[in-house]
């Protein structure tokens, strides 16, 4: 890590404060500023008006652990090594976002979800106030992988018991942490909800921060990740609305979905419409609840006199399929899962952003670290493979990536995708199935064009791009320049995590 910042670096007026806000499992289309017909996000819309909204932001590995690896290291999945979801793997990267900012003279704090291992790994932060939600490995001892009792790794749980009663737990509402098709209102007072707690603790940092340094505050929410448990007032906003039909592509095996049934924790199946609409209403309600609490945090910045010198970056780690194509949760390459909201806001006008602007370039979570280091005027380590989005925010000509490669190890549905925001090519590595979507004319991915006679040249171009991305990978996905299906996928690349 870099050494401590110089006296000139540590002057609070020299560089802006940075507030990074992430939510967990929020779809890229669930912003009223992005034209969503149902969900209301007035405070996030306000951030977009004072900055830039990115229309083609993706999570290249759309589940929590690998997505956060990209965010915290600035690396692609090929370099950070996490190409699937696997807990209990130590985080030992040389350069991480908070450590670089701390070394450059920032006072750094994380509140909320980290989802690293061990759970209390600071990852370069001066301090963390932790709530990862329900993580199975933190609740159940498996082969001595848990470092102590689960309440030692959850500051919210301790706070909840101190303020609500010793008998309470984060599992009391009876909803599974991965149940995307089950919902019920929050069962305690709203101020006890983990979303409110995250903002309460973030505001407390503003009180306790070192005033001689600029600050980096990472406010990291668990919601709208399930359990789908919005406070009642927010559930009431959505529960009686007529919701649009979820998109079902012409490529979906509907009979297989019927056969899978309606388990609320399912990845694929047909859920009764009333139950699905209740879950969707709760999901939207959680987002509006988050939006109000983000507004509360932004107001606190004003009250502490730092709003005009604080840059805010808002994003999600990945999306939620929410019944699209009869799929639920994440890990798949479809827009509901892989596309994320992404806003850079500068209410004080420090960075010369195009206020109220939009950007169409394809960006990814690995771009957050270099963007924030650019804002801080801190060195960007050579390990970082993302790029600062500030030139895009200013409307400057930039030599930007022409497309993005994403992937996720997911058993029989292990997948890769490449997209430029206008088209998307999908390859399922175990079956060899291909899909091609025209995102301009078919943003819901309803029509698979892979078999269309007049799209074969485009299909071949995208296939070749993916082959270039995967060439030399240890799984053996490419031979003689061609994709090879059926090679066993990995959760971790041994080039980074030797067996």
Protein backbone atom coordinates (compact mmCIF):
# COMPACT_ATOMS: atom_id res chain seq x y z
CA UNK A 1 0.00 0.00 0.00
CA UNK A 2 1.04 3.62 -0.43
CA UNK A 3 2.38 5.47 2.60
CA UNK A 4 0.50 8.17 4.52
CA UNK A 5 -0.65 11.28 2.69
CA UNK A 6 1.36 14.48 2.73
CA UNK A 7 0.23 17.60 4.57
CA UNK A 8 -1.01 19.14 1.32
CA UNK A 9 -2.88 15.94 0.47
CA UNK A 10 -4.68 15.91 3.79
CA UNK A 11 -6.18 19.42 3.55
CA UNK A 12 -9.96 18.87 3.31
CA UNK A 13 -10.33 21.68 0.75
CA UNK A 14 -7.67 20.20 -1.53
CA UNK A 15 -9.72 17.25 -2.74
CA UNK A 16 -13.41 16.34 -2.55
CA UNK A 17 -14.94 13.91 -0.12
CA UNK A 18 -16.21 10.70 -1.68
CA UNK A 19 -19.42 8.88 -0.84
CA UNK A 20 -19.79 5.48 -2.51
CA UNK A 21 -23.29 4.07 -2.15
CA UNK A 22 -24.01 0.53 -3.27
CA UNK A 23 -27.15 -1.52 -3.00
CA UNK A 24 -27.38 -5.27 -3.39
CA UNK A 25 -29.31 -6.94 -6.20
CA UNK A 26 -30.95 -3.84 -7.71
CA UNK A 27 -31.87 -4.04 -11.38
CA UNK A 28 -30.52 -1.43 -13.74
CA UNK A 29 -33.99 -0.48 -14.95
CA UNK A 30 -35.45 0.19 -11.48
CA UNK A 31 -35.01 3.95 -11.50
CA UNK A 32 -37.76 6.38 -12.36
CA UNK A 33 -35.02 8.45 -14.02
CA UNK A 34 -34.43 5.47 -16.32
CA UNK A 35 -38.11 5.35 -17.25
CA UNK A 36 -39.37 2.54 -15.05
CA UNK A 37 -43.19 2.56 -15.18
CA UNK A 38 -43.72 1.61 -11.52
CA UNK A 39 -40.81 2.22 -9.16
CA UNK A 40 -40.35 5.67 -7.61
CA UNK A 41 -36.82 6.91 -6.84
CA UNK A 42 -36.97 10.71 -6.47
CA UNK A 43 -33.73 11.04 -4.49
CA UNK A 44 -31.71 8.91 -6.88
CA UNK A 45 -33.27 10.88 -9.72
CA UNK A 46 -31.99 14.04 -8.01
CA UNK A 47 -28.48 12.57 -7.95
CA UNK A 48 -28.78 11.84 -11.66
CA UNK A 49 -29.83 15.44 -12.34
CA UNK A 50 -26.69 16.70 -10.60
CA UNK A 51 -24.46 14.29 -12.48
CA UNK A 52 -24.47 11.56 -15.09
CA UNK A 53 -26.60 8.42 -15.44
CA UNK A 54 -24.95 5.50 -17.22
CA UNK A 55 -27.39 3.54 -19.37
CA UNK A 56 -25.12 0.55 -20.07
CA UNK A 57 -23.51 -0.34 -16.74
CA UNK A 58 -22.99 -4.04 -16.08
CA UNK A 59 -21.78 -6.45 -13.47
CA UNK A 60 -19.38 -8.73 -15.33
CA UNK A 61 -19.78 -11.50 -12.74
CA UNK A 62 -23.30 -10.93 -11.41
CA UNK A 63 -23.30 -12.35 -7.89
CA UNK A 64 -22.17 -10.71 -4.67
CA UNK A 65 -18.65 -12.06 -4.08
CA UNK A 66 -17.09 -11.76 -7.56
CA UNK A 67 -18.87 -8.47 -8.21
CA UNK A 68 -17.39 -6.97 -5.04
CA UNK A 69 -13.97 -8.25 -6.03
CA UNK A 70 -14.20 -6.16 -9.20
CA UNK A 71 -15.41 -3.16 -7.23
CA UNK A 72 -12.73 -3.29 -4.52
CA UNK A 73 -9.75 -4.20 -6.76
CA UNK A 74 -10.52 -2.58 -10.12
CA UNK A 75 -9.60 -5.88 -11.77
CA UNK A 76 -11.36 -7.98 -14.37
CA UNK A 77 -12.55 -11.41 -13.29
CA UNK A 78 -9.65 -13.01 -15.13
CA UNK A 79 -7.27 -11.17 -12.80
CA UNK A 80 -9.14 -11.18 -9.48
CA UNK A 81 -9.83 -14.85 -10.12
CA UNK A 82 -13.43 -15.11 -8.91
CA UNK A 83 -15.54 -16.31 -11.85
CA UNK A 84 -18.30 -17.84 -9.75
CA UNK A 85 -19.74 -17.55 -6.27
CA UNK A 86 -17.63 -19.09 -3.50
CA UNK A 87 -17.50 -17.97 0.11
CA UNK A 88 -14.70 -18.46 2.65
CA UNK A 89 -11.88 -17.61 0.23
CA UNK A 90 -9.43 -15.11 1.78
CA UNK A 91 -9.18 -11.61 0.34
CA UNK A 92 -5.46 -10.97 0.01
CA UNK A 93 -5.21 -8.54 -2.89
CA UNK A 94 -2.24 -6.16 -2.81
CA UNK A 95 -4.18 -3.10 -3.92
CA UNK A 96 -7.75 -2.39 -2.88
CA UNK A 97 -9.81 0.78 -3.16
CA UNK A 98 -9.98 1.82 0.49
CA UNK A 99 -6.32 1.12 1.14
CA UNK A 100 -5.26 3.28 -1.79
CA UNK A 101 -7.47 6.14 -0.62
CA UNK A 102 -6.25 5.76 2.96
CA UNK A 103 -2.68 5.87 1.72
CA UNK A 104 -3.51 9.05 -0.19
CA UNK A 105 -4.68 10.79 2.96
CA UNK A 106 -8.40 9.97 3.10
CA UNK A 107 -10.24 8.96 6.28
CA UNK A 108 -12.00 5.76 5.19
CA UNK A 109 -15.07 4.04 6.61
CA UNK A 110 -17.40 1.27 5.44
CA UNK A 111 -20.90 0.84 6.84
CA UNK A 112 -22.96 -2.20 5.88
CA UNK A 113 -22.12 -5.05 3.54
CA UNK A 114 -18.57 -6.09 2.67
CA UNK A 115 -19.03 -9.83 1.91
CA UNK A 116 -15.32 -10.61 2.14
CA UNK A 117 -13.40 -13.26 4.07
CA UNK A 118 -12.67 -13.28 6.88
CA UNK A 119 -15.73 -11.16 7.54
CA UNK A 120 -13.86 -8.54 9.55
CA UNK A 121 -11.08 -8.15 6.98
CA UNK A 122 -10.70 -4.37 6.74
CA UNK A 123 -9.62 -4.51 3.07
CA UNK A 124 -7.78 -1.23 3.63
CA UNK A 125 -10.54 0.65 5.49
CA UNK A 126 -9.69 2.39 8.73
CA UNK A 127 -12.89 0.95 10.17
CA UNK A 128 -15.95 -1.08 9.20
CA UNK A 129 -19.39 -1.27 10.83
CA UNK A 130 -20.61 -4.55 9.44
CA UNK A 131 -23.89 -6.08 8.28
CA UNK A 132 -23.54 -8.63 5.51
CA UNK A 133 -27.11 -9.87 5.88
CA UNK A 134 -27.68 -13.61 6.26
CA UNK A 135 -24.58 -15.44 5.07
CA UNK A 136 -24.82 -19.17 5.68
CA UNK A 137 -21.14 -19.64 6.41
CA UNK A 138 -21.34 -16.98 9.12
CA UNK A 139 -24.28 -18.75 10.78
CA UNK A 140 -23.30 -22.41 10.52
CA UNK A 141 -19.95 -23.92 11.36
CA UNK A 142 -18.62 -25.99 8.46
CA UNK A 143 -15.19 -27.57 8.80
CA UNK A 144 -14.05 -24.82 11.15
CA UNK A 145 -14.50 -22.12 8.52
CA UNK A 146 -16.33 -19.73 10.85
CA UNK A 147 -14.02 -17.42 12.73
CA UNK A 148 -16.00 -17.23 15.94
CA UNK A 149 -19.70 -16.96 16.67
CA UNK A 150 -21.94 -15.37 14.06
CA UNK A 151 -22.83 -12.37 16.20
CA UNK A 152 -19.15 -11.42 16.16
CA UNK A 153 -19.36 -10.70 12.45
CA UNK A 154 -22.60 -8.68 12.44
CA UNK A 155 -22.65 -5.29 14.15
CA UNK A 156 -26.27 -4.71 13.12
CA UNK A 157 -27.39 -7.83 15.00
CA UNK A 158 -25.74 -6.61 18.20
CA UNK A 159 -27.33 -3.18 17.74
CA UNK A 160 -30.75 -4.73 17.04
CA UNK A 161 -30.64 -6.75 20.25
CA UNK A 162 -29.55 -3.72 22.23
CA UNK A 163 -32.40 -1.61 20.84
CA UNK A 164 -35.23 -4.09 20.28
CA UNK A 165 -34.54 -6.91 22.74
CA UNK A 166 -32.10 -9.74 23.27
CA UNK A 167 -34.49 -12.28 21.73
CA UNK A 168 -34.45 -10.76 18.24
CA UNK A 169 -32.55 -12.13 15.26
CA UNK A 170 -32.19 -11.22 11.58
CA UNK A 171 -34.12 -14.36 10.62
CA UNK A 172 -37.28 -13.58 12.60
CA UNK A 173 -39.45 -12.66 9.61
CA UNK A 174 -39.26 -16.25 8.36
CA UNK A 175 -38.14 -15.34 4.85
CA UNK A 176 -35.20 -17.10 3.26
CA UNK A 177 -32.28 -14.84 2.35
CA UNK A 178 -32.50 -16.01 -1.27
CA UNK A 179 -36.28 -16.14 -1.63
CA UNK A 180 -36.95 -13.87 -4.61
CA UNK A 181 -40.58 -15.00 -4.84
CA UNK A 182 -41.69 -14.58 -1.21
CA UNK A 183 -42.41 -11.36 0.65
CA UNK A 184 -43.92 -9.88 3.79
CA UNK A 185 -43.71 -6.48 5.49
CA UNK A 186 -41.00 -5.70 8.04
CA UNK A 187 -42.17 -6.89 11.46
CA UNK A 188 -40.52 -4.26 13.69
CA UNK A 189 -40.43 -0.47 13.86
CA UNK A 190 -39.06 1.08 10.66
CA UNK A 191 -36.08 2.66 12.42
CA UNK A 192 -34.90 -0.87 13.28
CA UNK A 193 -34.76 -1.97 9.63
CA UNK A 194 -31.20 -2.67 8.38
CA UNK A 195 -31.64 -0.06 5.66
CA UNK A 196 -32.32 2.65 8.25
CA UNK A 197 -29.49 1.33 10.44
CA UNK A 198 -27.01 1.63 7.58
CA UNK A 199 -27.85 5.31 7.13
CA UNK A 200 -27.89 5.97 10.89
CA UNK A 201 -24.38 4.57 11.19
CA UNK A 202 -23.22 6.45 8.09
CA UNK A 203 -24.47 9.74 9.52
CA UNK A 204 -22.68 8.95 12.77
CA UNK A 205 -19.43 8.69 10.80
CA UNK A 206 -19.97 12.25 9.56
CA UNK A 207 -19.99 13.28 13.22
CA UNK A 208 -16.89 11.26 14.11
CA UNK A 209 -14.73 11.76 11.02
CA UNK A 210 -11.31 13.39 11.15
CA UNK A 211 -12.02 16.97 9.98
CA UNK A 212 -8.41 17.46 8.88
CA UNK A 213 -8.78 14.92 6.09
CA UNK A 214 -11.13 14.37 3.17
CA UNK A 215 -13.28 11.32 3.79
CA UNK A 216 -14.20 8.22 1.85
CA UNK A 217 -17.46 6.78 3.15
CA UNK A 218 -18.72 3.53 1.67
CA UNK A 219 -22.41 3.10 2.52
CA UNK A 220 -23.25 -0.44 1.46
CA UNK A 221 -26.86 -1.62 1.74
CA UNK A 222 -28.02 -5.26 1.79
CA UNK A 223 -31.46 -4.51 0.32
CA UNK A 224 -33.22 -4.88 -2.09
CA UNK A 225 -31.60 -8.33 -1.87
CA UNK A 226 -34.08 -10.70 -0.25
CA UNK A 227 -35.58 -11.14 2.26
CA UNK A 228 -38.20 -8.95 0.62
CA UNK A 229 -39.34 -7.19 3.79
CA UNK A 230 -40.12 -3.50 3.23
CA UNK A 231 -41.71 -1.47 6.03
CA UNK A 232 -45.50 -1.57 5.75
CA UNK A 233 -45.85 2.03 4.54
CA UNK A 234 -43.69 1.22 1.50
CA UNK A 235 -45.44 -2.08 0.82
CA UNK A 236 -48.72 -0.18 0.81
CA UNK A 237 -47.42 2.07 -1.98
CA UNK A 238 -47.11 -0.86 -4.38
CA UNK A 239 -49.21 -3.82 -3.23
CA UNK A 240 -52.40 -2.85 -5.09
CA UNK A 241 -50.82 -1.53 -8.29
CA UNK A 242 -51.33 -3.35 -11.56
CA UNK A 243 -47.86 -4.52 -12.53
CA UNK A 244 -46.78 -5.13 -16.13
CA UNK A 245 -46.33 -8.67 -17.34
CA UNK A 246 -42.78 -9.95 -16.81
CA UNK A 247 -40.99 -10.52 -20.13
CA UNK A 248 -40.88 -14.12 -21.34
CA UNK A 249 -38.62 -14.72 -24.33
CA UNK A 250 -39.56 -16.88 -27.31
CA UNK A 251 -36.56 -19.03 -26.39
CA UNK A 252 -37.80 -19.98 -22.90
CA UNK A 253 -38.64 -23.65 -22.20
CA UNK A 254 -42.02 -22.99 -20.59
CA UNK A 255 -42.75 -26.68 -20.01
CA UNK A 256 -39.51 -27.06 -18.05
CA UNK A 257 -40.46 -24.02 -16.01
CA UNK A 258 -43.82 -25.59 -15.20
CA UNK A 259 -42.13 -28.81 -14.19
CA UNK A 260 -39.83 -26.95 -11.78
CA UNK A 261 -42.82 -25.77 -9.76
CA UNK A 262 -43.09 -22.69 -7.59
CA UNK A 263 -40.58 -23.05 -4.76
CA UNK A 264 -40.04 -19.46 -3.49
CA UNK A 265 -36.26 -20.04 -3.51
CA UNK A 266 -36.24 -21.40 -7.06
CA UNK A 267 -33.89 -20.21 -9.78
CA UNK A 268 -36.30 -21.19 -12.56
CA UNK A 269 -39.98 -22.00 -12.44
CA UNK A 270 -43.48 -20.62 -12.76
CA UNK A 271 -44.63 -18.90 -9.59
CA UNK A 272 -48.36 -18.19 -9.14
CA UNK A 273 -49.01 -14.68 -10.42
CA UNK A 274 -50.43 -13.36 -7.15
CA UNK A 275 -47.33 -14.48 -5.24
CA UNK A 276 -45.01 -13.13 -7.93
CA UNK A 277 -46.75 -9.75 -7.97
CA UNK A 278 -46.52 -9.55 -4.18
CA UNK A 279 -42.78 -10.23 -4.39
CA UNK A 280 -42.32 -7.68 -7.16
CA UNK A 281 -44.28 -5.09 -5.19
CA UNK A 282 -42.10 -5.75 -2.14
CA UNK A 283 -38.95 -5.46 -4.25
CA UNK A 284 -40.04 -2.10 -5.63
CA UNK A 285 -41.06 -1.02 -2.13
CA UNK A 286 -37.58 -1.86 -0.80
CA UNK A 287 -36.06 0.34 -3.52
CA UNK A 288 -38.25 3.30 -2.63
CA UNK A 289 -37.43 2.74 1.04
CA UNK A 290 -33.73 2.78 0.10
CA UNK A 291 -34.30 5.92 -1.93
CA UNK A 292 -35.82 7.75 1.03
CA UNK A 293 -32.97 6.71 3.29
CA UNK A 294 -30.41 7.79 0.70
CA UNK A 295 -32.23 11.13 0.70
CA UNK A 296 -31.81 11.21 4.48
CA UNK A 297 -28.07 10.64 4.09
CA UNK A 298 -27.75 13.34 1.43
CA UNK A 299 -29.60 15.75 3.72
CA UNK A 300 -27.11 14.92 6.48
CA UNK A 301 -24.26 15.88 4.14
CA UNK A 302 -25.92 19.26 3.80
CA UNK A 303 -26.39 19.61 7.55
CA UNK A 304 -22.72 18.85 8.17
CA UNK A 305 -21.73 21.40 5.54
CA UNK A 306 -19.97 18.95 3.22
CA UNK A 307 -22.50 18.35 0.44
CA UNK A 308 -20.94 20.83 -2.00
CA UNK A 309 -17.55 19.15 -1.64
CA UNK A 310 -18.71 15.51 -1.75
CA UNK A 311 -18.86 13.41 -4.90
CA UNK A 312 -21.42 10.60 -4.80
CA UNK A 313 -21.19 7.42 -6.86
CA UNK A 314 -24.20 5.11 -6.73
CA UNK A 315 -24.28 1.56 -8.10
CA UNK A 316 -25.48 -1.98 -7.44
CA UNK A 317 -23.38 -5.14 -7.35
CA UNK A 318 -25.75 -6.95 -9.74
CA UNK A 319 -29.43 -7.19 -10.57
CA UNK A 320 -32.38 -9.51 -9.90
CA UNK A 321 -34.26 -11.43 -12.58
CA UNK A 322 -37.53 -11.15 -10.65
CA UNK A 323 -39.44 -13.57 -12.87
CA UNK A 324 -38.04 -12.41 -16.21
CA UNK A 325 -38.14 -15.44 -18.52
CA UNK A 326 -39.30 -17.45 -15.44
CA UNK A 327 -35.87 -16.96 -13.83
CA UNK A 328 -35.12 -15.54 -10.39
CA UNK A 329 -32.11 -14.20 -8.49
CA UNK A 330 -28.91 -13.53 -10.48
CA UNK A 331 -25.77 -15.15 -12.02
CA UNK A 332 -27.34 -15.31 -15.49
CA UNK A 333 -26.30 -12.95 -18.29
CA UNK A 334 -29.75 -11.47 -18.99
CA UNK A 335 -30.35 -7.75 -18.51
CA UNK A 336 -32.34 -8.14 -15.29
CA UNK A 337 -29.40 -9.90 -13.65
CA UNK A 338 -26.31 -8.34 -15.23
CA UNK A 339 -27.33 -4.72 -15.83
CA UNK A 340 -26.98 -2.31 -12.92
CA UNK A 341 -27.80 1.31 -12.04
CA UNK A 342 -24.77 3.61 -12.05
CA UNK A 343 -24.78 7.35 -11.26
CA UNK A 344 -21.94 9.81 -10.66
CA UNK A 345 -23.22 12.94 -8.89
CA UNK A 346 -21.45 16.23 -8.17
CA UNK A 347 -23.87 18.72 -6.64
CA UNK A 348 -21.07 21.22 -5.99
CA UNK A 349 -19.87 21.28 -9.59
CA UNK A 350 -16.28 20.41 -8.64
CA UNK A 351 -15.59 18.02 -11.51
CA UNK A 352 -17.19 19.72 -14.50
CA UNK A 353 -19.65 16.91 -15.16
CA UNK A 354 -22.48 17.16 -17.66
CA UNK A 355 -25.23 17.77 -15.13
CA UNK A 356 -28.31 15.75 -16.00
CA UNK A 357 -26.38 13.96 -18.72
CA UNK A 358 -26.47 10.34 -19.79
CA UNK A 359 -23.71 8.09 -21.11
CA UNK A 360 -24.13 5.09 -23.39
CA UNK A 361 -20.65 3.56 -23.08
CA UNK A 362 -20.42 0.08 -21.58
CA UNK A 363 -18.99 0.36 -18.08
CA UNK A 364 -18.47 -2.15 -15.30
CA UNK A 365 -17.84 -2.38 -11.56
CA UNK A 366 -14.08 -2.54 -12.14
CA UNK A 367 -14.35 1.10 -13.28
CA UNK A 368 -15.35 2.31 -9.81
CA UNK A 369 -11.89 2.08 -8.23
CA UNK A 370 -10.05 4.06 -10.92
CA UNK A 371 -12.89 6.60 -11.04
CA UNK A 372 -12.71 7.29 -7.31
CA UNK A 373 -8.92 7.38 -7.33
CA UNK A 374 -9.13 9.84 -10.23
CA UNK A 375 -11.51 12.01 -8.20
CA UNK A 376 -9.08 11.87 -5.27
CA UNK A 377 -6.12 12.62 -7.55
CA UNK A 378 -4.49 9.50 -6.12
CA UNK A 379 -2.19 7.14 -8.03
CA UNK A 380 -3.92 4.27 -9.82
CA UNK A 381 -2.05 0.98 -9.26
CA UNK A 382 -0.87 -0.98 -12.29
CA UNK A 383 -3.06 -3.90 -11.18
CA UNK A 384 -6.21 -1.90 -11.95
CA UNK A 385 -7.79 -2.88 -15.29
CA UNK A 386 -10.85 -0.67 -15.15
CA UNK A 387 -10.89 2.93 -16.34
CA UNK A 388 -12.03 6.20 -14.83
CA UNK A 389 -15.44 7.23 -16.15
CA UNK A 390 -14.81 10.93 -15.48
CA UNK A 391 -13.96 11.68 -19.13
CA UNK A 392 -17.30 10.13 -20.13
CA UNK A 393 -19.05 12.20 -17.46
CA UNK A 394 -17.56 15.36 -18.98
CA UNK A 395 -18.46 14.42 -22.53
CA UNK A 396 -14.82 14.17 -23.56
CA UNK A 397 -13.63 11.92 -26.34
CA UNK A 398 -12.28 8.77 -24.72
CA UNK A 399 -10.67 5.63 -26.06
CA UNK A 400 -13.26 3.43 -24.38
CA UNK A 401 -13.68 -0.34 -24.49
CA UNK A 402 -15.70 -1.42 -27.52
CA UNK A 403 -17.43 -4.21 -25.60
CA UNK A 404 -17.50 -5.98 -22.24
CA UNK A 405 -16.95 -9.65 -21.45
CA UNK A 406 -18.91 -11.09 -18.54
CA UNK A 407 -19.33 -14.59 -17.17
CA UNK A 408 -20.47 -16.73 -14.29
CA UNK A 409 -19.81 -20.31 -13.32
CA UNK A 410 -23.30 -21.68 -12.61
CA UNK A 411 -23.40 -25.44 -13.06
CA UNK A 412 -25.29 -26.49 -16.18
CA UNK A 413 -26.09 -22.81 -16.82
CA UNK A 414 -22.48 -21.61 -16.65
CA UNK A 415 -22.35 -18.73 -19.06
CA UNK A 416 -20.38 -16.02 -20.84
CA UNK A 417 -21.61 -12.87 -22.51
CA UNK A 418 -20.18 -10.06 -24.57
CA UNK A 419 -22.02 -6.81 -25.22
CA UNK A 420 -21.52 -3.31 -26.54
CA UNK A 421 -24.84 -2.14 -25.10
CA UNK A 422 -26.52 -2.48 -28.48
CA UNK A 423 -26.18 -6.21 -29.06
CA UNK A 424 -25.46 -9.04 -26.67
CA UNK A 425 -24.07 -12.49 -27.41
CA UNK A 426 -24.51 -15.30 -24.86
CA UNK A 427 -22.72 -18.64 -24.78
CA UNK A 428 -23.59 -21.36 -22.29
CA UNK A 429 -20.31 -23.18 -21.82
CA UNK A 430 -21.72 -26.57 -20.84
CA UNK A 431 -24.32 -27.00 -23.57
CA UNK A 432 -22.84 -24.76 -26.26
CA UNK A 433 -26.17 -22.95 -26.64
CA UNK A 434 -25.90 -19.51 -28.19
CA UNK A 435 -28.20 -16.51 -27.96
CA UNK A 436 -28.01 -13.15 -29.71
CA UNK A 437 -30.13 -10.16 -28.77
CA UNK A 438 -30.72 -6.79 -30.40
CA UNK A 439 -30.83 -4.62 -27.26
CA UNK A 440 -31.79 -1.47 -29.16
CA UNK A 441 -35.02 -2.90 -30.57
CA UNK A 442 -35.51 -5.69 -28.04
CA UNK A 443 -34.25 -4.47 -24.63
CA UNK A 444 -36.20 -7.22 -22.83
CA UNK A 445 -34.41 -9.96 -24.78
CA UNK A 446 -37.60 -11.51 -26.06
CA UNK A 447 -36.30 -12.72 -29.44
CA UNK A 448 -33.21 -14.90 -29.81
CA UNK A 449 -31.60 -14.02 -33.15
CA UNK A 450 -28.91 -16.69 -33.06
CA UNK A 451 -30.71 -18.76 -35.70
CA UNK A 452 -31.76 -15.82 -37.83
CA UNK A 453 -30.26 -16.22 -41.34
CA UNK A 454 -29.52 -12.50 -41.70
CA UNK A 455 -27.67 -12.36 -38.37
CA UNK A 456 -25.14 -15.10 -38.94
CA UNK A 457 -22.26 -12.75 -39.74
CA UNK A 458 -22.93 -10.76 -36.57
CA UNK A 459 -23.19 -13.99 -34.59
CA UNK A 460 -19.79 -15.09 -35.94
CA UNK A 461 -18.23 -11.74 -35.03
CA UNK A 462 -19.45 -11.92 -31.45
CA UNK A 463 -18.45 -15.58 -31.15
CA UNK A 464 -14.93 -14.69 -32.26
CA UNK A 465 -14.72 -11.83 -29.78
CA UNK A 466 -15.60 -14.20 -26.98
CA UNK A 467 -13.05 -16.73 -28.21
CA UNK A 468 -10.38 -14.04 -28.02
CA UNK A 469 -11.42 -13.22 -24.44
CA UNK A 470 -11.28 -16.88 -23.39
CA UNK A 471 -8.18 -17.90 -25.29
CA UNK A 472 -5.61 -19.39 -22.94
CA UNK A 473 -8.02 -19.80 -20.05
CA UNK A 474 -7.26 -22.81 -17.88
CA UNK A 475 -10.72 -24.33 -18.39
CA UNK A 476 -9.85 -25.00 -22.02
CA UNK A 477 -12.83 -23.16 -23.47
CA UNK A 478 -10.95 -22.40 -26.72
CA UNK A 479 -9.12 -24.73 -29.11
CA UNK A 480 -7.65 -23.56 -32.41
CA UNK A 481 -9.57 -20.32 -32.08
CA UNK A 482 -12.96 -21.98 -31.58
CA UNK A 483 -15.20 -22.20 -28.52
CA UNK A 484 -15.36 -25.68 -27.00
CA UNK A 485 -18.41 -26.62 -24.93
CA UNK A 486 -18.52 -29.07 -22.05
CA UNK A 487 -15.29 -28.17 -20.27
CA UNK A 488 -15.76 -28.19 -16.48
CA UNK A 489 -16.30 -24.65 -15.18
CA UNK A 490 -14.46 -23.30 -12.13
CA UNK A 491 -15.58 -20.97 -9.37
CA UNK A 492 -12.00 -19.77 -8.86
CA UNK A 493 -9.15 -19.53 -11.33
CA UNK A 494 -6.12 -21.46 -10.13
CA UNK A 495 -3.85 -18.85 -11.66
CA UNK A 496 -4.97 -16.60 -8.79
CA UNK A 497 -6.02 -19.19 -6.21
CA UNK A 498 -3.72 -22.23 -6.55
CA UNK A 499 -5.33 -25.47 -5.45
